[in-house]
Amino acid sequence: MNEITLNNNLKCPVIGIGTFMLSPAEAQNSVREALKMGYRLVDTANAYVNERAVGRGIKESGVARSEVYLSTKLWPSEYENPNAVDETLERLGVDYVDLLYIHQPAGNWLAGYRALEKAYKEGKAKAIGISNFEGKYIAELEQKWEIAPQFIQVEAHPYYTQGLLRKTLDKYGIRLMSWYPLGHGDRSLIEEPIFKKLGEKYGKTSAQVILRWHTQMGFVVIPGSKNVAHIKDNLDILDFELTADEMKEIAKLDKGVRYYNRTDEQLVQFAAWKPEFEKA
């Protein structure tokens, strides 16, 4: 598995299995099968309400905990909960996570970030991150963090390459983890002629070419699926490399168009909502 080096000198796999919108049963099965195939990065969140299932999937895979890069996110309802990190670890069935995010710039997000910094100092999180922080939110956090994050998780794909945000990230060596890496399944993106042409050249699907583009951009990518065949295909992207000229051609697709546009009203709703966590 290819890895990238973080700004704290730890390493992270370049591709993982995402569990957004997967039921507990689906998440457990996908994580177990993905790890058996060779995946070593697993991403979840408080808000996905499948952390216990992810923990079960890891155990059932037979892969040692030390070999799994486990990522999760605190939801805004938990930012001021002094036990939030320990409760998250308990649900996952682990004594540390490799990467701990705050999920949204909602509610008292600075308290949430302080909880991450505390977890980092205590060894409960080997790396910390921010999810969905862009524009004014990352500009404000930049002035207030004690420890710079290792990761940011945001929407990114060939139609929306986060060029402006990456100028801030590059200053601190913050890595980008992509969600909606295939454009939320948008056929117009997947069927772009350049991806079909490159797929034919390398013997890959258009989706595999796009995922490979992510890794060559320096992004970590976490496509999610409950389909075991798709999970296997998504991993099969590291045996070819796009040329510099091919990367330039793909760069021409950047339209500055995203699929999810969050509103301030939604941030208020996020702050008010508390997930109903799985029971033990």
Protein backbone atom coordinates (compact mmCIF):
# COMPACT_ATOMS: atom_id res chain seq x y z
CA MET A 1 0.00 0.00 0.00
CA ASN A 2 1.36 3.43 -0.97
CA GLU A 3 1.60 5.95 1.86
CA ILE A 4 2.04 9.69 2.31
CA THR A 5 4.00 11.42 5.06
CA LEU A 6 2.16 13.86 7.31
CA ASN A 7 3.44 17.07 8.86
CA ASN A 8 4.14 15.19 12.11
CA ASN A 9 6.23 12.62 10.18
CA LEU A 10 3.71 9.81 10.59
CA LYS A 11 2.39 8.02 7.50
CA CYS A 12 -1.08 7.35 6.12
CA PRO A 13 -2.26 5.06 3.28
CA VAL A 14 -3.31 6.91 0.11
CA ILE A 15 -6.59 5.04 -0.29
CA GLY A 16 -9.11 3.78 2.22
CA ILE A 17 -12.66 2.58 2.67
CA GLY A 18 -15.27 5.19 3.55
CA THR A 19 -18.41 4.33 5.51
CA PHE A 20 -20.63 7.39 4.97
CA MET A 21 -24.29 6.41 4.43
CA LEU A 22 -23.59 2.75 5.26
CA SER A 23 -25.83 1.04 7.79
CA PRO A 24 -24.09 -0.71 10.68
CA ALA A 25 -24.42 -4.09 8.95
CA GLU A 26 -23.13 -2.68 5.65
CA ALA A 27 -20.25 -0.86 7.33
CA GLN A 28 -19.21 -3.96 9.26
CA ASN A 29 -19.19 -6.07 6.11
CA SER A 30 -17.44 -3.46 3.94
CA VAL A 31 -14.71 -2.81 6.50
CA ARG A 32 -14.08 -6.50 7.10
CA GLU A 33 -13.87 -7.34 3.40
CA ALA A 34 -11.85 -4.24 2.52
CA LEU A 35 -9.21 -5.03 5.10
CA LYS A 36 -9.00 -8.62 3.90
CA MET A 37 -8.36 -7.27 0.37
CA GLY A 38 -5.47 -5.11 1.50
CA TYR A 39 -7.00 -1.79 2.49
CA ARG A 40 -5.39 -0.31 5.59
CA LEU A 41 -7.32 2.96 6.02
CA VAL A 42 -10.86 3.05 7.42
CA ASP A 43 -12.88 6.26 7.80
CA THR A 44 -16.02 6.75 9.88
CA ALA A 45 -17.64 9.40 12.10
CA ASN A 46 -19.89 9.89 15.11
CA ALA A 47 -22.58 11.12 12.73
CA TYR A 48 -22.50 7.98 10.58
CA VAL A 49 -23.77 6.04 13.61
CA ASN A 50 -21.75 2.97 12.63
CA GLU A 51 -18.60 3.27 14.74
CA ARG A 52 -19.35 0.10 16.72
CA ALA A 53 -19.90 -1.76 13.46
CA VAL A 54 -16.63 -0.44 12.06
CA GLY A 55 -14.86 -1.68 15.17
CA ARG A 56 -16.45 -5.11 14.74
CA GLY A 57 -15.43 -5.18 11.08
CA ILE A 58 -11.82 -4.45 11.99
CA LYS A 59 -11.75 -7.24 14.56
CA GLU A 60 -13.41 -9.74 12.19
CA SER A 61 -10.90 -8.96 9.42
CA GLY A 62 -8.08 -10.60 11.32
CA VAL A 63 -5.82 -7.63 10.54
CA ALA A 64 -3.86 -6.39 13.55
CA ARG A 65 -5.08 -3.10 14.99
CA SER A 66 -1.56 -1.66 14.60
CA GLU A 67 -1.80 -2.15 10.83
CA VAL A 68 -5.11 -0.29 10.44
CA TYR A 69 -5.18 3.48 10.03
CA LEU A 70 -8.47 4.36 11.71
CA SER A 71 -10.11 7.75 11.22
CA THR A 72 -13.24 9.16 12.84
CA LYS A 73 -14.87 12.54 13.48
CA LEU A 74 -16.45 14.24 16.47
CA TRP A 75 -19.89 15.68 15.74
CA PRO A 76 -20.72 19.25 16.93
CA SER A 77 -23.01 17.95 19.69
CA GLU A 78 -19.89 16.37 21.23
CA TYR A 79 -17.52 19.34 21.06
CA GLU A 80 -18.20 20.43 24.64
CA ASN A 81 -18.61 16.90 26.01
CA PRO A 82 -15.47 16.28 28.12
CA ASN A 83 -15.90 12.53 27.58
CA ALA A 84 -16.48 12.68 23.82
CA VAL A 85 -13.11 11.26 22.81
CA ASP A 86 -13.23 8.40 25.33
CA GLU A 87 -16.81 7.57 24.32
CA THR A 88 -15.81 7.51 20.67
CA LEU A 89 -12.90 5.18 21.42
CA GLU A 90 -15.23 2.94 23.43
CA ARG A 91 -17.66 2.65 20.53
CA LEU A 92 -14.84 1.77 18.16
CA GLY A 93 -13.37 -0.72 20.63
CA VAL A 94 -9.89 0.82 20.53
CA ASP A 95 -7.65 2.81 22.86
CA TYR A 96 -6.54 5.32 20.22
CA VAL A 97 -7.42 6.45 16.72
CA ASP A 98 -4.89 7.29 14.05
CA LEU A 99 -6.80 10.38 12.96
CA LEU A 100 -9.47 12.37 14.80
CA TYR A 101 -11.41 15.19 13.13
CA ILE A 102 -13.97 17.75 14.12
CA HIS A 103 -16.70 17.21 11.56
CA GLN A 104 -18.20 20.66 10.94
CA PRO A 105 -17.45 24.33 11.74
CA ALA A 106 -20.69 24.41 13.73
CA GLY A 107 -21.50 25.13 17.36
CA ASN A 108 -18.49 25.67 19.62
CA TRP A 109 -16.05 24.27 17.11
CA LEU A 110 -13.07 25.83 18.85
CA ALA A 111 -13.87 23.75 21.94
CA GLY A 112 -13.98 20.75 19.63
CA TYR A 113 -10.57 21.57 18.24
CA ARG A 114 -9.15 22.00 21.72
CA ALA A 115 -10.47 18.50 22.50
CA LEU A 116 -8.53 17.21 19.50
CA GLU A 117 -5.34 18.91 20.63
CA LYS A 118 -5.78 17.40 24.10
CA ALA A 119 -6.36 13.93 22.62
CA TYR A 120 -3.25 14.36 20.47
CA LYS A 121 -1.11 15.28 23.48
CA GLU A 122 -2.48 12.31 25.43
CA GLY A 123 -1.82 9.82 22.61
CA LYS A 124 -5.49 9.08 22.05
CA ALA A 125 -5.21 10.50 18.52
CA LYS A 126 -2.02 10.05 16.49
CA ALA A 127 -3.09 12.82 14.11
CA ILE A 128 -5.85 15.44 14.11
CA GLY A 129 -7.90 17.03 11.40
CA ILE A 130 -10.71 19.35 10.37
CA SER A 131 -13.60 18.40 8.12
CA ASN A 132 -15.53 20.85 5.94
CA PHE A 133 -13.50 23.86 7.07
CA GLU A 134 -13.09 26.27 4.17
CA GLY A 135 -13.00 30.01 3.59
CA LYS A 136 -13.55 32.12 6.71
CA TYR A 137 -13.64 29.08 8.98
CA ILE A 138 -10.17 27.82 8.19
CA ALA A 139 -8.87 31.41 8.19
CA GLU A 140 -10.17 31.84 11.76
CA LEU A 141 -8.90 28.48 12.95
CA GLU A 142 -5.48 29.22 11.48
CA GLN A 143 -5.18 32.07 13.98
CA LYS A 144 -6.27 29.95 16.95
CA TRP A 145 -4.77 26.49 16.71
CA GLU A 146 -1.96 25.47 19.02
CA ILE A 147 -1.21 22.38 16.95
CA ALA A 148 -1.72 22.59 13.20
CA PRO A 149 -3.90 19.77 11.86
CA GLN A 150 -2.45 16.96 9.80
CA PHE A 151 -5.55 16.56 7.63
CA ILE A 152 -8.55 18.31 6.20
CA GLN A 153 -11.46 16.34 4.74
CA VAL A 154 -13.45 18.19 2.07
CA GLU A 155 -15.20 17.69 -1.23
CA ALA A 156 -12.64 17.31 -4.02
CA HIS A 157 -12.73 15.84 -7.53
CA PRO A 158 -11.60 16.86 -11.04
CA TYR A 159 -14.46 19.38 -11.34
CA TYR A 160 -13.52 20.96 -7.98
CA THR A 161 -9.84 20.66 -7.08
CA GLN A 162 -9.81 22.99 -4.05
CA GLY A 163 -7.04 25.12 -5.56
CA LEU A 164 -7.62 28.13 -3.28
CA LEU A 165 -7.87 26.04 -0.11
CA ARG A 166 -4.70 24.16 -1.02
CA LYS A 167 -2.69 27.38 -0.82
CA THR A 168 -3.40 27.46 2.91
CA LEU A 169 -2.85 23.73 3.33
CA ASP A 170 0.51 23.82 1.59
CA LYS A 171 1.83 26.40 4.07
CA TYR A 172 1.45 23.92 6.90
CA GLY A 173 1.83 20.60 5.13
CA ILE A 174 -1.82 19.76 5.82
CA ARG A 175 -3.00 16.82 3.72
CA LEU A 176 -6.34 16.70 1.92
CA MET A 177 -8.67 13.72 2.20
CA SER A 178 -11.31 13.73 -0.54
CA TRP A 179 -15.00 13.08 -0.16
CA TYR A 180 -17.28 12.83 -3.19
CA PRO A 181 -14.09 11.76 -5.00
CA LEU A 182 -16.10 10.54 -8.01
CA GLY A 183 -18.37 13.57 -8.09
CA HIS A 184 -21.14 11.96 -6.04
CA GLY A 185 -21.59 9.42 -8.85
CA ASP A 186 -22.17 12.11 -11.48
CA ARG A 187 -22.15 10.35 -14.84
CA SER A 188 -21.02 13.51 -16.64
CA LEU A 189 -17.76 13.47 -14.67
CA ILE A 190 -17.17 9.75 -14.94
CA GLU A 191 -17.96 9.78 -18.66
CA GLU A 192 -15.60 12.62 -19.53
CA PRO A 193 -13.75 11.54 -22.72
CA ILE A 194 -10.32 11.97 -21.11
CA PHE A 195 -11.12 9.30 -18.52
CA LYS A 196 -12.43 6.89 -21.10
CA LYS A 197 -9.30 7.39 -23.21
CA LEU A 198 -6.96 6.90 -20.27
CA GLY A 199 -8.96 3.91 -19.07
CA GLU A 200 -8.48 2.24 -22.42
CA LYS A 201 -4.77 3.03 -22.36
CA TYR A 202 -4.16 1.61 -18.89
CA GLY A 203 -6.79 -1.12 -18.84
CA LYS A 204 -8.79 0.61 -16.10
CA THR A 205 -12.29 1.97 -15.63
CA SER A 206 -12.93 5.70 -15.69
CA ALA A 207 -13.57 5.60 -11.93
CA GLN A 208 -10.21 3.96 -11.34
CA VAL A 209 -8.49 6.65 -13.41
CA ILE A 210 -10.18 9.36 -11.34
CA LEU A 211 -9.16 7.71 -8.07
CA ARG A 212 -5.60 7.44 -9.33
CA TRP A 213 -5.72 11.15 -10.22
CA HIS A 214 -6.59 11.88 -6.58
CA THR A 215 -3.57 10.02 -5.26
CA GLN A 216 -1.27 11.71 -7.77
CA MET A 217 -2.64 15.08 -6.69
CA GLY A 218 -1.36 14.18 -3.23
CA PHE A 219 -4.86 13.59 -1.89
CA VAL A 220 -5.94 10.65 0.24
CA VAL A 221 -9.14 9.17 -1.14
CA ILE A 222 -11.84 7.22 0.73
CA PRO A 223 -14.51 5.93 -1.68
CA GLY A 224 -17.28 4.13 0.13
CA SER A 225 -19.30 1.19 -1.10
CA LYS A 226 -21.33 -1.74 0.16
CA ASN A 227 -20.59 -3.61 -3.08
CA VAL A 228 -17.61 -5.90 -2.54
CA ALA A 229 -16.73 -5.92 -6.25
CA HIS A 230 -16.62 -2.11 -6.30
CA ILE A 231 -14.51 -2.07 -3.15
CA LYS A 232 -12.03 -4.38 -4.86
CA ASP A 233 -11.96 -2.27 -8.04
CA ASN A 234 -11.38 0.93 -6.06
CA LEU A 235 -8.22 -0.54 -4.55
CA ASP A 236 -6.83 -1.62 -7.91
CA ILE A 237 -5.38 1.77 -8.85
CA LEU A 238 -1.77 1.67 -7.76
CA ASP A 239 -0.26 -0.38 -10.60
CA PHE A 240 -0.23 2.44 -13.16
CA GLU A 241 0.75 6.12 -13.18
CA LEU A 242 -0.69 9.03 -15.13
CA THR A 243 1.91 11.11 -16.95
CA ALA A 244 2.51 14.80 -16.27
CA ASP A 245 0.83 15.66 -19.58
CA GLU A 246 -2.19 13.52 -18.68
CA MET A 247 -2.48 15.25 -15.32
CA LYS A 248 -2.43 18.62 -17.13
CA GLU A 249 -5.25 17.47 -19.41
CA ILE A 250 -7.35 16.44 -16.42
CA ALA A 251 -6.61 19.80 -14.77
CA LYS A 252 -8.53 21.49 -17.60
CA LEU A 253 -11.74 19.91 -16.25
CA ASP A 254 -11.69 22.06 -13.11
CA LYS A 255 -14.89 24.12 -13.30
CA GLY A 256 -14.99 25.26 -9.71
CA VAL A 257 -18.23 23.28 -9.47
CA ARG A 258 -19.12 21.37 -6.34
CA TYR A 259 -22.01 19.01 -5.58
CA TYR A 260 -22.67 20.04 -1.98
CA ASN A 261 -23.16 23.66 -0.97
CA ARG A 262 -23.57 24.05 2.77
CA THR A 263 -25.57 26.97 4.16
CA ASP A 264 -25.26 28.84 7.46
CA GLU A 265 -28.72 27.53 8.34
CA GLN A 266 -27.44 23.97 7.99
CA LEU A 267 -24.56 24.73 10.36
CA VAL A 268 -27.12 25.82 12.96
CA GLN A 269 -29.03 22.58 12.40
CA PHE A 270 -25.82 20.55 12.71
CA ALA A 271 -25.07 22.18 16.07
CA ALA A 272 -28.52 21.24 17.37
CA TRP A 273 -28.61 17.63 16.22
CA LYS A 274 -27.25 14.79 18.35
CA PRO A 275 -26.73 11.34 16.82
CA GLU A 276 -28.45 8.38 18.43
CA PHE A 277 -25.38 6.24 18.88
CA GLU A 278 -25.47 2.47 18.51
CA LYS A 279 -26.04 0.58 21.70
CA ALA A 280 -23.34 -1.75 22.95
